[in-house]
Every structure is written in C-alpha cells, then in structure tokens.
Amino acid sequence: MGMDRATWMYYTARNTNLYTERVQSFLQVAEANRVNKGSGSICCPCTVCKNFKRFNDINEIEFLMY
C-alpha cells in the first residue's frame, strides 16, 4: 500500500478514489481478521470515531463510508 493507515484514514479526502480503495482494502483485511480471530466486530475507519466504534457487519461500515 505504501501509505500508513493514519494518513489515508484521517488525512485523505473522502471523495477520492484513493480513499475508496483503501477503505475497501481495510474492510477486506478487517473481515478476514474478524473471522480468523472469531471476533464479532470490526473497527470503523472514519475520522470521527478513530477506530473506537465497532460494527458486526462490514456492510454497515460501507454504508456509512459512502
């Protein structure tokens, strides 16, 4: 990816293709991690909650991000 997580999550304009690509990649990795760990939730990658809000379904995050 080349760009650290904090940079794209907090300092990249949300209306860019770069941001959309990074969110989709983040969600794929987060979902795989959730399944591997047997966890029930995923952190939200937004500027408001800064990963403190958690969701049980990546579709909820995708809905909020777009």
N, C-alpha and C. Protein backbone atom coordinates (compact mmCIF):
# COMPACT_ATOMS: atom_id res chain seq x y z
N MET A 1 0.81 -1.20 0.00
CA MET A 1 0.00 0.00 0.00
C MET A 1 0.85 1.26 0.00
N GLY A 2 1.94 1.28 0.74
CA GLY A 2 2.84 2.40 0.70
C GLY A 2 2.49 3.56 1.63
N MET A 3 1.26 3.77 1.94
CA MET A 3 0.83 4.89 2.78
C MET A 3 0.38 4.32 4.13
N ASP A 4 0.83 4.94 5.22
CA ASP A 4 0.42 4.39 6.50
C ASP A 4 -1.07 4.62 6.75
N ARG A 5 -1.60 3.79 7.61
CA ARG A 5 -3.04 3.78 7.86
C ARG A 5 -3.57 5.13 8.33
N ALA A 6 -2.88 5.77 9.25
CA ALA A 6 -3.37 7.04 9.77
C ALA A 6 -3.48 8.09 8.68
N THR A 7 -2.55 8.08 7.74
CA THR A 7 -2.57 9.09 6.68
C THR A 7 -3.80 8.95 5.81
N TRP A 8 -4.08 7.75 5.31
CA TRP A 8 -5.24 7.63 4.43
C TRP A 8 -6.54 7.72 5.20
N MET A 9 -6.58 7.24 6.45
CA MET A 9 -7.84 7.29 7.22
C MET A 9 -8.22 8.70 7.62
N TYR A 10 -7.24 9.48 8.03
CA TYR A 10 -7.54 10.77 8.64
C TYR A 10 -7.19 11.99 7.80
N TYR A 11 -6.34 11.82 6.77
CA TYR A 11 -5.87 12.98 6.04
C TYR A 11 -6.09 12.92 4.53
N THR A 12 -6.79 11.91 4.05
CA THR A 12 -7.08 11.80 2.62
C THR A 12 -8.54 12.20 2.41
N ALA A 13 -8.80 13.00 1.40
CA ALA A 13 -10.18 13.43 1.13
C ALA A 13 -11.06 12.21 0.87
N ARG A 14 -12.22 12.21 1.48
CA ARG A 14 -13.12 11.06 1.40
C ARG A 14 -13.76 10.89 0.03
N ASN A 15 -13.66 11.87 -0.81
CA ASN A 15 -14.29 11.79 -2.14
C ASN A 15 -13.29 11.38 -3.23
N THR A 16 -12.15 10.82 -2.84
CA THR A 16 -11.14 10.41 -3.82
C THR A 16 -11.18 8.89 -4.04
N ASN A 17 -10.68 8.49 -5.20
CA ASN A 17 -10.58 7.06 -5.49
C ASN A 17 -9.61 6.38 -4.53
N LEU A 18 -8.55 7.08 -4.16
CA LEU A 18 -7.57 6.52 -3.23
C LEU A 18 -8.23 6.14 -1.91
N TYR A 19 -9.04 7.03 -1.37
CA TYR A 19 -9.72 6.75 -0.11
C TYR A 19 -10.65 5.55 -0.25
N THR A 20 -11.41 5.49 -1.32
CA THR A 20 -12.33 4.38 -1.56
C THR A 20 -11.58 3.06 -1.64
N GLU A 21 -10.48 3.05 -2.37
CA GLU A 21 -9.67 1.84 -2.50
C GLU A 21 -9.12 1.40 -1.15
N ARG A 22 -8.65 2.33 -0.36
CA ARG A 22 -8.08 1.99 0.95
C ARG A 22 -9.15 1.49 1.91
N VAL A 23 -10.34 2.08 1.86
CA VAL A 23 -11.43 1.60 2.72
C VAL A 23 -11.80 0.17 2.34
N GLN A 24 -11.95 -0.09 1.06
CA GLN A 24 -12.31 -1.44 0.62
C GLN A 24 -11.24 -2.45 1.03
N SER A 25 -9.98 -2.09 0.88
CA SER A 25 -8.89 -2.97 1.29
C SER A 25 -8.92 -3.19 2.81
N PHE A 26 -9.11 -2.11 3.55
CA PHE A 26 -9.18 -2.20 5.00
C PHE A 26 -10.31 -3.14 5.43
N LEU A 27 -11.47 -3.00 4.81
CA LEU A 27 -12.61 -3.82 5.18
C LEU A 27 -12.37 -5.30 4.87
N GLN A 28 -11.73 -5.58 3.77
CA GLN A 28 -11.42 -6.98 3.44
C GLN A 28 -10.48 -7.59 4.47
N VAL A 29 -9.45 -6.86 4.83
CA VAL A 29 -8.50 -7.35 5.83
C VAL A 29 -9.17 -7.45 7.20
N ALA A 30 -9.95 -6.45 7.55
CA ALA A 30 -10.65 -6.46 8.84
C ALA A 30 -11.62 -7.62 8.94
N GLU A 31 -12.34 -7.91 7.87
CA GLU A 31 -13.29 -9.03 7.88
C GLU A 31 -12.55 -10.36 8.01
N ALA A 32 -11.45 -10.52 7.27
CA ALA A 32 -10.66 -11.75 7.37
C ALA A 32 -10.10 -11.91 8.78
N ASN A 33 -9.63 -10.82 9.36
CA ASN A 33 -9.11 -10.86 10.73
C ASN A 33 -10.21 -11.21 11.73
N ARG A 34 -11.38 -10.62 11.53
CA ARG A 34 -12.51 -10.90 12.43
C ARG A 34 -12.85 -12.38 12.39
N VAL A 35 -12.91 -12.96 11.21
CA VAL A 35 -13.25 -14.37 11.05
C VAL A 35 -12.15 -15.25 11.67
N ASN A 36 -10.89 -14.92 11.38
CA ASN A 36 -9.77 -15.72 11.91
C ASN A 36 -9.70 -15.72 13.43
N LYS A 37 -10.04 -14.59 14.02
CA LYS A 37 -10.00 -14.49 15.49
C LYS A 37 -11.30 -14.92 16.15
N GLY A 38 -12.33 -15.13 15.35
CA GLY A 38 -13.62 -15.49 15.92
C GLY A 38 -14.28 -14.33 16.63
N SER A 39 -13.90 -13.12 16.26
CA SER A 39 -14.45 -11.91 16.87
C SER A 39 -15.78 -11.57 16.24
N GLY A 40 -16.57 -10.78 16.95
CA GLY A 40 -17.87 -10.41 16.43
C GLY A 40 -17.93 -9.01 15.85
N SER A 41 -16.80 -8.27 15.89
CA SER A 41 -16.89 -6.89 15.44
C SER A 41 -15.63 -6.42 14.73
N ILE A 42 -15.80 -5.30 14.00
CA ILE A 42 -14.73 -4.67 13.23
C ILE A 42 -14.70 -3.19 13.59
N CYS A 43 -13.50 -2.63 13.72
CA CYS A 43 -13.37 -1.19 13.98
C CYS A 43 -13.73 -0.39 12.75
N CYS A 44 -14.32 0.75 12.95
CA CYS A 44 -14.68 1.65 11.86
C CYS A 44 -13.51 2.56 11.50
N PRO A 45 -13.18 2.68 10.21
CA PRO A 45 -12.05 3.52 9.80
C PRO A 45 -12.46 4.95 9.44
N CYS A 46 -13.07 5.66 10.34
CA CYS A 46 -13.52 7.00 9.99
C CYS A 46 -12.81 8.07 10.81
N THR A 47 -12.91 9.31 10.37
CA THR A 47 -12.25 10.41 11.06
C THR A 47 -12.95 10.80 12.36
N VAL A 48 -14.20 10.43 12.50
CA VAL A 48 -14.95 10.83 13.69
C VAL A 48 -14.64 9.92 14.88
N CYS A 49 -14.76 8.61 14.69
CA CYS A 49 -14.57 7.71 15.82
C CYS A 49 -13.14 7.22 15.99
N LYS A 50 -12.30 7.37 14.96
CA LYS A 50 -10.89 6.99 15.00
C LYS A 50 -10.71 5.56 15.53
N ASN A 51 -11.50 4.66 14.99
CA ASN A 51 -11.42 3.23 15.26
C ASN A 51 -12.00 2.79 16.60
N PHE A 52 -12.72 3.65 17.29
CA PHE A 52 -13.30 3.24 18.56
C PHE A 52 -14.69 2.63 18.40
N LYS A 53 -15.41 3.01 17.37
CA LYS A 53 -16.74 2.44 17.12
C LYS A 53 -16.56 1.09 16.43
N ARG A 54 -17.38 0.12 16.81
CA ARG A 54 -17.24 -1.22 16.27
C ARG A 54 -18.55 -1.66 15.62
N PHE A 55 -18.41 -2.46 14.56
CA PHE A 55 -19.56 -2.96 13.81
C PHE A 55 -19.47 -4.48 13.67
N ASN A 56 -20.61 -5.12 13.57
CA ASN A 56 -20.65 -6.57 13.40
C ASN A 56 -20.67 -6.99 11.95
N ASP A 57 -20.90 -6.05 11.05
CA ASP A 57 -21.04 -6.37 9.63
C ASP A 57 -20.36 -5.29 8.80
N ILE A 58 -19.49 -5.70 7.86
CA ILE A 58 -18.79 -4.70 7.05
C ILE A 58 -19.74 -3.90 6.18
N ASN A 59 -20.91 -4.44 5.89
CA ASN A 59 -21.90 -3.69 5.10
C ASN A 59 -22.34 -2.43 5.82
N GLU A 60 -22.40 -2.47 7.15
CA GLU A 60 -22.75 -1.28 7.93
C GLU A 60 -21.69 -0.19 7.74
N ILE A 61 -20.44 -0.59 7.74
CA ILE A 61 -19.34 0.37 7.56
C ILE A 61 -19.36 0.93 6.15
N GLU A 62 -19.53 0.07 5.17
CA GLU A 62 -19.57 0.52 3.78
C GLU A 62 -20.70 1.53 3.57
N PHE A 63 -21.85 1.29 4.18
CA PHE A 63 -22.98 2.20 4.06
C PHE A 63 -22.62 3.57 4.63
N LEU A 64 -21.95 3.59 5.77
CA LEU A 64 -21.58 4.85 6.40
C LEU A 64 -20.48 5.59 5.65
N MET A 65 -19.60 4.84 4.99
CA MET A 65 -18.46 5.46 4.33
C MET A 65 -18.83 6.14 3.03
N TYR A 66 -19.91 5.72 2.41
CA TYR A 66 -20.24 6.27 1.09
C TYR A 66 -21.48 7.03 1.16
